[in-house]
Amino acid sequence: MDNFISSKSMITPGIAGSATTMITGTLVTTFGFPGAVTALAISFVFGLMALADKSITIYYKFIFYIINSVTIFSVAVGLNQAGMAIIERDKQATVQERALGPAEEKNHEGMPTEAGPFFQEWF
């Protein structure tokens, strides 16, 4: 665990970046939050892990906090862009299906409506 929380660890920003993408995608899709601002805020929250490293001084903790937070944000944005590219590629390859009749086009009360895509434009 000490190696995972170490401010010099490179696996921590990768895992935190993927967690940031999941949390941001959920908040953007469900509540309509702005993607870039939400991802940046969550990145800085996950960046607080750099402050748990007891082997360095407070000055270096702050520097690692900023570097790790920006790295986490970059990983999250990159994962979102990769997800959008895959979805766009799959949309182009998918054949459009036609509706079979009016019964399937009705939106019955109590049934959830279709939400937006998980990966979407943040900027």
C-alpha atoms as a PDB file:
ATOM      1  CA  MET A   1       0.000   0.000   0.000  1.00  0.00           C
ATOM      2  CA  ASP A   2       2.899   2.354   0.710  1.00  0.00           C
ATOM      3  CA  ASN A   3       4.133   2.026  -2.880  1.00  0.00           C
ATOM      4  CA  PHE A   4       0.653   2.723  -4.246  1.00  0.00           C
ATOM      5  CA  ILE A   5       0.186   5.955  -2.291  1.00  0.00           C
ATOM      6  CA  SER A   6       3.764   7.087  -2.849  1.00  0.00           C
ATOM      7  CA  SER A   7       3.921  10.450  -4.594  1.00  0.00           C
ATOM      8  CA  LYS A   8       6.402   8.993  -7.080  1.00  0.00           C
ATOM      9  CA  SER A   9       4.186   6.070  -8.101  1.00  0.00           C
ATOM     10  CA  MET A  10       2.976   6.129 -11.712  1.00  0.00           C
ATOM     11  CA  ILE A  11       0.244   3.496 -11.327  1.00  0.00           C
ATOM     12  CA  THR A  12      -1.710   5.713  -8.935  1.00  0.00           C
ATOM     13  CA  PRO A  13      -2.505   8.480 -11.481  1.00  0.00           C
ATOM     14  CA  GLY A  14      -3.511   5.855 -14.053  1.00  0.00           C
ATOM     15  CA  ILE A  15      -5.985   4.130 -11.770  1.00  0.00           C
ATOM     16  CA  ALA A  16      -7.200   7.452 -10.350  1.00  0.00           C
ATOM     17  CA  GLY A  17      -7.642   8.758 -13.923  1.00  0.00           C
ATOM     18  CA  SER A  18      -9.843   5.815 -14.871  1.00  0.00           C
ATOM     19  CA  ALA A  19     -11.862   6.289 -11.667  1.00  0.00           C
ATOM     20  CA  THR A  20     -12.175   9.994 -12.516  1.00  0.00           C
ATOM     21  CA  THR A  21     -13.515   9.084 -15.967  1.00  0.00           C
ATOM     22  CA  MET A  22     -16.107   6.741 -14.466  1.00  0.00           C
ATOM     23  CA  ILE A  23     -17.275   9.231 -11.842  1.00  0.00           C
ATOM     24  CA  THR A  24     -17.315  12.165 -14.269  1.00  0.00           C
ATOM     25  CA  GLY A  25     -19.139  10.172 -16.956  1.00  0.00           C
ATOM     26  CA  THR A  26     -21.792   9.179 -14.450  1.00  0.00           C
ATOM     27  CA  LEU A  27     -22.274  12.729 -13.138  1.00  0.00           C
ATOM     28  CA  VAL A  28     -22.356  14.241 -16.631  1.00  0.00           C
ATOM     29  CA  THR A  29     -24.799  11.650 -17.959  1.00  0.00           C
ATOM     30  CA  THR A  30     -27.080  11.568 -14.936  1.00  0.00           C
ATOM     31  CA  PHE A  31     -27.087  15.158 -13.693  1.00  0.00           C
ATOM     32  CA  GLY A  32     -25.813  17.136 -16.682  1.00  0.00           C
ATOM     33  CA  PHE A  33     -22.749  18.533 -14.898  1.00  0.00           C
ATOM     34  CA  PRO A  34     -20.113  20.205 -17.106  1.00  0.00           C
ATOM     35  CA  GLY A  35     -17.618  17.483 -17.943  1.00  0.00           C
ATOM     36  CA  ALA A  36     -14.317  19.364 -17.922  1.00  0.00           C
ATOM     37  CA  VAL A  37     -14.945  21.177 -14.641  1.00  0.00           C
ATOM     38  CA  THR A  38     -16.232  18.036 -12.946  1.00  0.00           C
ATOM     39  CA  ALA A  39     -13.250  15.970 -14.121  1.00  0.00           C
ATOM     40  CA  LEU A  40     -10.816  18.658 -12.984  1.00  0.00           C
ATOM     41  CA  ALA A  41     -12.400  18.879  -9.518  1.00  0.00           C
ATOM     42  CA  ILE A  42     -12.407  15.093  -9.083  1.00  0.00           C
ATOM     43  CA  SER A  43      -8.795  14.945 -10.322  1.00  0.00           C
ATOM     44  CA  PHE A  44      -7.715  17.383  -7.640  1.00  0.00           C
ATOM     45  CA  VAL A  45      -9.589  15.365  -5.008  1.00  0.00           C
ATOM     46  CA  PHE A  46      -7.771  12.188  -6.105  1.00  0.00           C
ATOM     47  CA  GLY A  47      -4.534  14.182  -6.217  1.00  0.00           C
ATOM     48  CA  LEU A  48      -4.778  14.552  -2.451  1.00  0.00           C
ATOM     49  CA  MET A  49      -3.257  11.059  -2.268  1.00  0.00           C
ATOM     50  CA  ALA A  50       0.109  12.715  -2.888  1.00  0.00           C
ATOM     51  CA  LEU A  51      -0.212  14.422   0.492  1.00  0.00           C
ATOM     52  CA  ALA A  52      -0.292  11.020   2.244  1.00  0.00           C
ATOM     53  CA  ASP A  53       3.362  10.358   1.375  1.00  0.00           C
ATOM     54  CA  LYS A  54       5.333  10.847   4.585  1.00  0.00           C
ATOM     55  CA  SER A  55       8.784  10.490   3.008  1.00  0.00           C
ATOM     56  CA  ILE A  56       8.936  13.993   1.485  1.00  0.00           C
ATOM     57  CA  THR A  57       8.666  17.568   2.764  1.00  0.00           C
ATOM     58  CA  ILE A  58       5.512  19.674   2.501  1.00  0.00           C
ATOM     59  CA  TYR A  59       6.999  21.755  -0.328  1.00  0.00           C
ATOM     60  CA  TYR A  60       7.491  18.656  -2.491  1.00  0.00           C
ATOM     61  CA  LYS A  61       4.103  17.287  -1.445  1.00  0.00           C
ATOM     62  CA  PHE A  62       2.456  20.375  -2.918  1.00  0.00           C
ATOM     63  CA  ILE A  63       4.446  20.058  -6.164  1.00  0.00           C
ATOM     64  CA  PHE A  64       3.578  16.356  -6.464  1.00  0.00           C
ATOM     65  CA  TYR A  65      -0.061  17.211  -5.656  1.00  0.00           C
ATOM     66  CA  ILE A  66      -0.266  19.572  -8.633  1.00  0.00           C
ATOM     67  CA  ILE A  67       1.624  17.236 -10.994  1.00  0.00           C
ATOM     68  CA  ASN A  68      -0.401  14.163  -9.997  1.00  0.00           C
ATOM     69  CA  SER A  69      -3.707  16.044 -10.242  1.00  0.00           C
ATOM     70  CA  VAL A  70      -2.942  17.307 -13.743  1.00  0.00           C
ATOM     71  CA  THR A  71      -1.755  13.817 -14.755  1.00  0.00           C
ATOM     72  CA  ILE A  72      -4.979  12.276 -13.410  1.00  0.00           C
ATOM     73  CA  PHE A  73      -7.014  14.849 -15.347  1.00  0.00           C
ATOM     74  CA  SER A  74      -5.044  14.130 -18.538  1.00  0.00           C
ATOM     75  CA  VAL A  75      -5.602  10.385 -18.191  1.00  0.00           C
ATOM     76  CA  ALA A  76      -9.330  10.948 -17.605  1.00  0.00           C
ATOM     77  CA  VAL A  77      -9.663  13.193 -20.674  1.00  0.00           C
ATOM     78  CA  GLY A  78      -7.693  10.703 -22.780  1.00  0.00           C
ATOM     79  CA  LEU A  79      -9.901   7.805 -21.699  1.00  0.00           C
ATOM     80  CA  ASN A  80     -13.005   9.833 -22.470  1.00  0.00           C
ATOM     81  CA  GLN A  81     -11.691  10.735 -25.928  1.00  0.00           C
ATOM     82  CA  ALA A  82     -10.804   7.085 -26.613  1.00  0.00           C
ATOM     83  CA  GLY A  83     -14.291   6.009 -25.543  1.00  0.00           C
ATOM     84  CA  MET A  84     -15.877   8.638 -27.798  1.00  0.00           C
ATOM     85  CA  ALA A  85     -13.737   7.487 -30.747  1.00  0.00           C
ATOM     86  CA  ILE A  86     -14.780   3.864 -30.236  1.00  0.00           C
ATOM     87  CA  ILE A  87     -18.459   4.787 -29.984  1.00  0.00           C
ATOM     88  CA  GLU A  88     -18.214   6.946 -33.119  1.00  0.00           C
ATOM     89  CA  ARG A  89     -16.477   4.140 -35.009  1.00  0.00           C
ATOM     90  CA  ASP A  90     -19.168   1.669 -33.937  1.00  0.00           C
ATOM     91  CA  LYS A  91     -21.941   4.095 -34.976  1.00  0.00           C
ATOM     92  CA  GLN A  92     -20.562   4.250 -38.497  1.00  0.00           C
ATOM     93  CA  ALA A  93     -20.369   0.462 -38.765  1.00  0.00           C
ATOM     94  CA  THR A  94     -23.844  -0.197 -37.327  1.00  0.00           C
ATOM     95  CA  VAL A  95     -26.740  -0.687 -39.711  1.00  0.00           C
ATOM     96  CA  GLN A  96     -29.768   1.415 -38.870  1.00  0.00           C
ATOM     97  CA  GLU A  97     -32.673  -0.767 -37.764  1.00  0.00           C
ATOM     98  CA  ARG A  98     -36.209   0.235 -38.559  1.00  0.00           C
ATOM     99  CA  ALA A  99     -39.078   0.199 -36.098  1.00  0.00           C
ATOM    100  CA  LEU A 100     -41.529  -2.641 -36.509  1.00  0.00           C
ATOM    101  CA  GLY A 101     -44.624  -0.757 -35.558  1.00  0.00           C
ATOM    102  CA  PRO A 102     -46.218   1.932 -33.444  1.00  0.00           C
ATOM    103  CA  ALA A 103     -46.405  -0.283 -30.345  1.00  0.00           C
ATOM    104  CA  GLU A 104     -42.628  -0.234 -29.971  1.00  0.00           C
ATOM    105  CA  GLU A 105     -42.355   3.509 -30.493  1.00  0.00           C
ATOM    106  CA  LYS A 106     -44.518   4.390 -27.498  1.00  0.00           C
ATOM    107  CA  ASN A 107     -42.821   5.569 -24.355  1.00  0.00           C
ATOM    108  CA  HIS A 108     -44.815   3.950 -21.582  1.00  0.00           C
ATOM    109  CA  GLU A 109     -45.135   5.792 -18.283  1.00  0.00           C
ATOM    110  CA  GLY A 110     -42.818   4.471 -15.628  1.00  0.00           C
ATOM    111  CA  MET A 111     -40.278   3.207 -18.131  1.00  0.00           C
ATOM    112  CA  PRO A 112     -36.958   5.064 -18.122  1.00  0.00           C
ATOM    113  CA  THR A 113     -36.131   7.114 -21.175  1.00  0.00           C
ATOM    114  CA  GLU A 114     -32.834   6.581 -22.933  1.00  0.00           C
ATOM    115  CA  ALA A 115     -29.969   8.486 -21.310  1.00  0.00           C
ATOM    116  CA  GLY A 116     -27.190  10.182 -23.215  1.00  0.00           C
ATOM    117  CA  PRO A 117     -23.969   8.365 -24.049  1.00  0.00           C
ATOM    118  CA  PHE A 118     -21.513   7.712 -21.214  1.00  0.00           C
ATOM    119  CA  PHE A 119     -18.543   9.083 -23.157  1.00  0.00           C
ATOM    120  CA  GLN A 120     -19.351  12.568 -24.461  1.00  0.00           C
ATOM    121  CA  GLU A 121     -17.698  15.848 -25.311  1.00  0.00           C
ATOM    122  CA  TRP A 122     -16.287  17.558 -22.187  1.00  0.00           C
ATOM    123  CA  PHE A 123     -14.924  20.700 -23.812  1.00  0.00           C
END
